[in-house]
Amino acid sequence: MDQGSHDRVVRYIADNRFPFPGQTTWPADYVTLTNVPVRRQGIPCEGSIHYPDILVVDATGQACEIGEVEYAVGPDLLPHLRACSDAADDLTPTKVRHFFLYVPLGLESAATALLDQAGISYAGVRSFHIDDTGAISITPHVTHGDSYDHQ
């Protein structure tokens, strides 16, 4: 996946899932930011700053929910995936972190295993797919947070 496709997927997810269209439970002071193509707000990560693809902040600028779009899955991702989880709140019914990982269709189980084996708290793993017409679809794979998010 090239950077342009990645950024298109990020913007689609931010526009259609943070919040969902018509979602009435979304806090009024939440603002959804993307860090593509311009970096807007980062989080601490191993003595540096990481810029999550999607960052939902409240009126104080505090990170609430985070979404990360990855094209591949492997242990090299663990430092920034852990930072994303640690920066997200745990205001879910199950007290897991409001962190969502989006991977290409077919990599969902590998992503789930990576997060689980590393002990990283997350609200969900989702797959994305871009069809031949350029349409983007999102499919929930695992939802540990709010059941409402499994759509």
C-alpha atoms as a PDB file:
ATOM      1  CA  MET A   1       0.000   0.000   0.000  1.00  0.00           C
ATOM      2  CA  ASP A   2       1.395   3.398  -0.930  1.00  0.00           C
ATOM      3  CA  GLN A   3       1.272   6.448   1.340  1.00  0.00           C
ATOM      4  CA  GLY A   4      -1.606   7.985  -0.618  1.00  0.00           C
ATOM      5  CA  SER A   5      -3.769   4.883  -0.114  1.00  0.00           C
ATOM      6  CA  HIS A   6      -2.800   4.726   3.554  1.00  0.00           C
ATOM      7  CA  ASP A   7      -3.799   8.348   4.075  1.00  0.00           C
ATOM      8  CA  ARG A   8      -7.092   7.798   2.231  1.00  0.00           C
ATOM      9  CA  VAL A   9      -7.908   4.856   4.534  1.00  0.00           C
ATOM     10  CA  VAL A  10      -7.012   6.943   7.603  1.00  0.00           C
ATOM     11  CA  ARG A  11      -9.280   9.796   6.518  1.00  0.00           C
ATOM     12  CA  TYR A  12     -12.119   7.372   5.696  1.00  0.00           C
ATOM     13  CA  ILE A  13     -11.890   5.733   9.134  1.00  0.00           C
ATOM     14  CA  ALA A  14     -11.686   9.088  10.910  1.00  0.00           C
ATOM     15  CA  ASP A  15     -14.733  10.367   9.019  1.00  0.00           C
ATOM     16  CA  ASN A  16     -16.858   7.218   9.381  1.00  0.00           C
ATOM     17  CA  ARG A  17     -15.912   5.625  12.696  1.00  0.00           C
ATOM     18  CA  PHE A  18     -14.766   8.406  15.049  1.00  0.00           C
ATOM     19  CA  PRO A  19     -17.731   8.896  15.548  1.00  0.00           C
ATOM     20  CA  PHE A  20     -19.998   6.617  13.568  1.00  0.00           C
ATOM     21  CA  PRO A  21     -22.508   8.549  11.442  1.00  0.00           C
ATOM     22  CA  GLY A  22     -25.480   9.344  13.671  1.00  0.00           C
ATOM     23  CA  GLN A  23     -23.751   8.215  16.877  1.00  0.00           C
ATOM     24  CA  THR A  24     -25.514   9.873  19.817  1.00  0.00           C
ATOM     25  CA  THR A  25     -23.137   8.661  22.549  1.00  0.00           C
ATOM     26  CA  TRP A  26     -20.134  10.608  21.230  1.00  0.00           C
ATOM     27  CA  PRO A  27     -19.046  13.229  23.809  1.00  0.00           C
ATOM     28  CA  ALA A  28     -19.713  16.772  22.581  1.00  0.00           C
ATOM     29  CA  ASP A  29     -16.182  17.957  23.362  1.00  0.00           C
ATOM     30  CA  TYR A  30     -14.369  15.207  21.415  1.00  0.00           C
ATOM     31  CA  VAL A  31     -12.409  16.276  18.341  1.00  0.00           C
ATOM     32  CA  THR A  32     -11.066  13.753  15.823  1.00  0.00           C
ATOM     33  CA  LEU A  33      -7.635  14.597  14.421  1.00  0.00           C
ATOM     34  CA  THR A  34      -5.588  12.831  11.795  1.00  0.00           C
ATOM     35  CA  ASN A  35      -1.821  13.007  11.560  1.00  0.00           C
ATOM     36  CA  VAL A  36      -1.799  12.511   7.782  1.00  0.00           C
ATOM     37  CA  PRO A  37      -0.537  14.098   5.686  1.00  0.00           C
ATOM     38  CA  VAL A  38       0.373  16.734   8.309  1.00  0.00           C
ATOM     39  CA  ARG A  39       1.418  15.831  11.832  1.00  0.00           C
ATOM     40  CA  ARG A  40      -0.900  17.652  14.226  1.00  0.00           C
ATOM     41  CA  GLN A  41      -0.551  16.058  17.680  1.00  0.00           C
ATOM     42  CA  GLY A  42       1.682  13.319  18.988  1.00  0.00           C
ATOM     43  CA  ILE A  43       2.029  11.079  22.003  1.00  0.00           C
ATOM     44  CA  PRO A  44       5.123  10.028  23.983  1.00  0.00           C
ATOM     45  CA  CYS A  45       6.873   6.914  22.683  1.00  0.00           C
ATOM     46  CA  GLU A  46      10.154   5.649  24.117  1.00  0.00           C
ATOM     47  CA  GLY A  47      11.733   9.071  24.642  1.00  0.00           C
ATOM     48  CA  SER A  48      10.386  10.427  21.380  1.00  0.00           C
ATOM     49  CA  ILE A  49       7.049  11.448  19.874  1.00  0.00           C
ATOM     50  CA  HIS A  50       4.799   9.162  17.819  1.00  0.00           C
ATOM     51  CA  TYR A  51       2.016  10.588  15.670  1.00  0.00           C
ATOM     52  CA  PRO A  52      -0.916   8.134  15.646  1.00  0.00           C
ATOM     53  CA  ASP A  53      -2.914   8.069  12.434  1.00  0.00           C
ATOM     54  CA  ILE A  54      -6.140   8.983  14.254  1.00  0.00           C
ATOM     55  CA  LEU A  55      -6.228  10.768  17.574  1.00  0.00           C
ATOM     56  CA  VAL A  56      -9.435  11.732  19.362  1.00  0.00           C
ATOM     57  CA  VAL A  57      -8.915  14.406  21.998  1.00  0.00           C
ATOM     58  CA  ASP A  58     -11.214  16.100  24.480  1.00  0.00           C
ATOM     59  CA  ALA A  59     -11.552  19.850  25.045  1.00  0.00           C
ATOM     60  CA  THR A  60      -8.376  19.867  27.162  1.00  0.00           C
ATOM     61  CA  GLY A  61      -6.345  18.221  24.387  1.00  0.00           C
ATOM     62  CA  GLN A  62      -6.101  14.941  26.306  1.00  0.00           C
ATOM     63  CA  ALA A  63      -6.001  11.801  24.143  1.00  0.00           C
ATOM     64  CA  CYS A  64      -9.174   9.738  24.515  1.00  0.00           C
ATOM     65  CA  GLU A  65      -9.284   7.307  21.584  1.00  0.00           C
ATOM     66  CA  ILE A  66      -6.584   6.298  19.116  1.00  0.00           C
ATOM     67  CA  GLY A  67      -6.709   4.484  15.791  1.00  0.00           C
ATOM     68  CA  GLU A  68      -3.674   3.189  13.947  1.00  0.00           C
ATOM     69  CA  VAL A  69      -3.623   1.938  10.335  1.00  0.00           C
ATOM     70  CA  GLU A  70      -0.854  -0.507   9.497  1.00  0.00           C
ATOM     71  CA  TYR A  71      -0.138  -2.299   6.230  1.00  0.00           C
ATOM     72  CA  ALA A  72       1.886  -5.096   7.825  1.00  0.00           C
ATOM     73  CA  VAL A  73       2.060  -6.754  11.233  1.00  0.00           C
ATOM     74  CA  GLY A  74       5.242  -7.557  13.104  1.00  0.00           C
ATOM     75  CA  PRO A  75       7.169  -7.064  16.330  1.00  0.00           C
ATOM     76  CA  ASP A  76       8.744  -3.843  15.024  1.00  0.00           C
ATOM     77  CA  LEU A  77       5.332  -2.197  15.550  1.00  0.00           C
ATOM     78  CA  LEU A  78       5.161  -3.018  19.260  1.00  0.00           C
ATOM     79  CA  PRO A  79       6.752   0.174  20.656  1.00  0.00           C
ATOM     80  CA  HIS A  80       4.326   2.522  18.944  1.00  0.00           C
ATOM     81  CA  LEU A  81       1.309   0.208  19.362  1.00  0.00           C
ATOM     82  CA  ARG A  82       2.008   0.074  23.100  1.00  0.00           C
ATOM     83  CA  ALA A  83       2.386   3.871  23.188  1.00  0.00           C
ATOM     84  CA  CYS A  84      -0.969   4.264  21.420  1.00  0.00           C
ATOM     85  CA  SER A  85      -2.658   1.964  23.902  1.00  0.00           C
ATOM     86  CA  ASP A  86      -1.031   3.650  26.891  1.00  0.00           C
ATOM     87  CA  ALA A  87      -2.089   7.117  25.670  1.00  0.00           C
ATOM     88  CA  ALA A  88      -5.752   6.160  25.101  1.00  0.00           C
ATOM     89  CA  ASP A  89      -8.269   6.265  27.930  1.00  0.00           C
ATOM     90  CA  ASP A  90      -9.814   3.161  29.495  1.00  0.00           C
ATOM     91  CA  LEU A  91     -13.373   4.505  29.663  1.00  0.00           C
ATOM     92  CA  THR A  92     -14.841   1.400  28.053  1.00  0.00           C
ATOM     93  CA  PRO A  93     -17.372  -0.923  29.709  1.00  0.00           C
ATOM     94  CA  THR A  94     -14.638  -3.572  29.997  1.00  0.00           C
ATOM     95  CA  LYS A  95     -11.886  -1.093  31.033  1.00  0.00           C
ATOM     96  CA  VAL A  96      -9.684  -1.910  28.027  1.00  0.00           C
ATOM     97  CA  ARG A  97      -7.932   1.015  26.377  1.00  0.00           C
ATOM     98  CA  HIS A  98      -9.748   2.936  23.604  1.00  0.00           C
ATOM     99  CA  PHE A  99      -7.171   1.832  21.024  1.00  0.00           C
ATOM    100  CA  PHE A 100      -8.145   0.414  17.625  1.00  0.00           C
ATOM    101  CA  LEU A 101      -5.790  -1.248  15.148  1.00  0.00           C
ATOM    102  CA  TYR A 102      -6.740  -1.393  11.442  1.00  0.00           C
ATOM    103  CA  VAL A 103      -4.928  -3.834   9.151  1.00  0.00           C
ATOM    104  CA  PRO A 104      -5.456  -5.091   5.602  1.00  0.00           C
ATOM    105  CA  LEU A 105      -8.035  -7.827   5.123  1.00  0.00           C
ATOM    106  CA  GLY A 106      -6.392 -11.143   5.997  1.00  0.00           C
ATOM    107  CA  LEU A 107      -4.055  -9.823   8.703  1.00  0.00           C
ATOM    108  CA  GLU A 108      -6.642  -9.577  11.488  1.00  0.00           C
ATOM    109  CA  SER A 109      -5.615 -12.765  13.326  1.00  0.00           C
ATOM    110  CA  ALA A 110      -1.923 -11.882  13.145  1.00  0.00           C
ATOM    111  CA  ALA A 111      -2.670  -8.396  14.520  1.00  0.00           C
ATOM    112  CA  THR A 112      -4.788  -9.796  17.344  1.00  0.00           C
ATOM    113  CA  ALA A 113      -2.101 -12.341  18.238  1.00  0.00           C
ATOM    114  CA  LEU A 114       0.610  -9.657  18.216  1.00  0.00           C
ATOM    115  CA  LEU A 115      -1.344  -7.419  20.593  1.00  0.00           C
ATOM    116  CA  ASP A 116      -2.414 -10.289  22.861  1.00  0.00           C
ATOM    117  CA  GLN A 117       1.074 -11.817  23.100  1.00  0.00           C
ATOM    118  CA  ALA A 118       2.554  -8.416  23.968  1.00  0.00           C
ATOM    119  CA  GLY A 119      -0.132  -7.754  26.594  1.00  0.00           C
ATOM    120  CA  ILE A 120      -1.280  -4.556  24.878  1.00  0.00           C
ATOM    121  CA  SER A 121      -4.764  -3.403  25.882  1.00  0.00           C
ATOM    122  CA  TYR A 122      -7.015  -2.584  22.926  1.00  0.00           C
ATOM    123  CA  ALA A 123     -10.685  -2.018  22.198  1.00  0.00           C
ATOM    124  CA  GLY A 124     -10.684  -3.559  18.744  1.00  0.00           C
ATOM    125  CA  VAL A 125      -8.946  -4.949  15.693  1.00  0.00           C
ATOM    126  CA  ARG A 126     -10.459  -4.117  12.309  1.00  0.00           C
ATOM    127  CA  SER A 127      -9.626  -4.970   8.733  1.00  0.00           C
ATOM    128  CA  PHE A 128      -9.830  -2.590   5.829  1.00  0.00           C
ATOM    129  CA  HIS A 129     -10.191  -3.327   2.143  1.00  0.00           C
ATOM    130  CA  ILE A 130     -10.045  -1.137  -0.944  1.00  0.00           C
ATOM    131  CA  ASP A 131     -11.996  -2.733  -3.797  1.00  0.00           C
ATOM    132  CA  ASP A 132     -11.412  -2.353  -7.537  1.00  0.00           C
ATOM    133  CA  THR A 133     -13.600   0.754  -7.653  1.00  0.00           C
ATOM    134  CA  GLY A 134     -11.604   2.410  -4.864  1.00  0.00           C
ATOM    135  CA  ALA A 135     -14.353   1.974  -2.255  1.00  0.00           C
ATOM    136  CA  ILE A 136     -13.080   1.385   1.274  1.00  0.00           C
ATOM    137  CA  SER A 137     -14.746  -1.053   3.651  1.00  0.00           C
ATOM    138  CA  ILE A 138     -14.057  -1.754   7.320  1.00  0.00           C
ATOM    139  CA  THR A 139     -14.838  -5.065   9.014  1.00  0.00           C
ATOM    140  CA  PRO A 140     -14.633  -5.565  12.785  1.00  0.00           C
ATOM    141  CA  HIS A 141     -12.647  -8.639  13.794  1.00  0.00           C
ATOM    142  CA  VAL A 142     -12.410  -8.404  17.591  1.00  0.00           C
ATOM    143  CA  THR A 143     -14.090  -5.925  19.921  1.00  0.00           C
ATOM    144  CA  HIS A 144     -13.040  -5.894  23.568  1.00  0.00           C
ATOM    145  CA  GLY A 145     -14.436  -2.481  24.455  1.00  0.00           C
ATOM    146  CA  ASP A 146     -17.980  -1.282  23.835  1.00  0.00           C
ATOM    147  CA  SER A 147     -20.222  -3.690  21.888  1.00  0.00           C
ATOM    148  CA  TYR A 148     -21.543  -0.633  20.014  1.00  0.00           C
ATOM    149  CA  ASP A 149     -18.146  -0.427  18.290  1.00  0.00           C
ATOM    150  CA  HIS A 150     -18.577  -3.843  16.667  1.00  0.00           C
ATOM    151  CA  GLN A 151     -20.110  -2.463  13.471  1.00  0.00           C
END
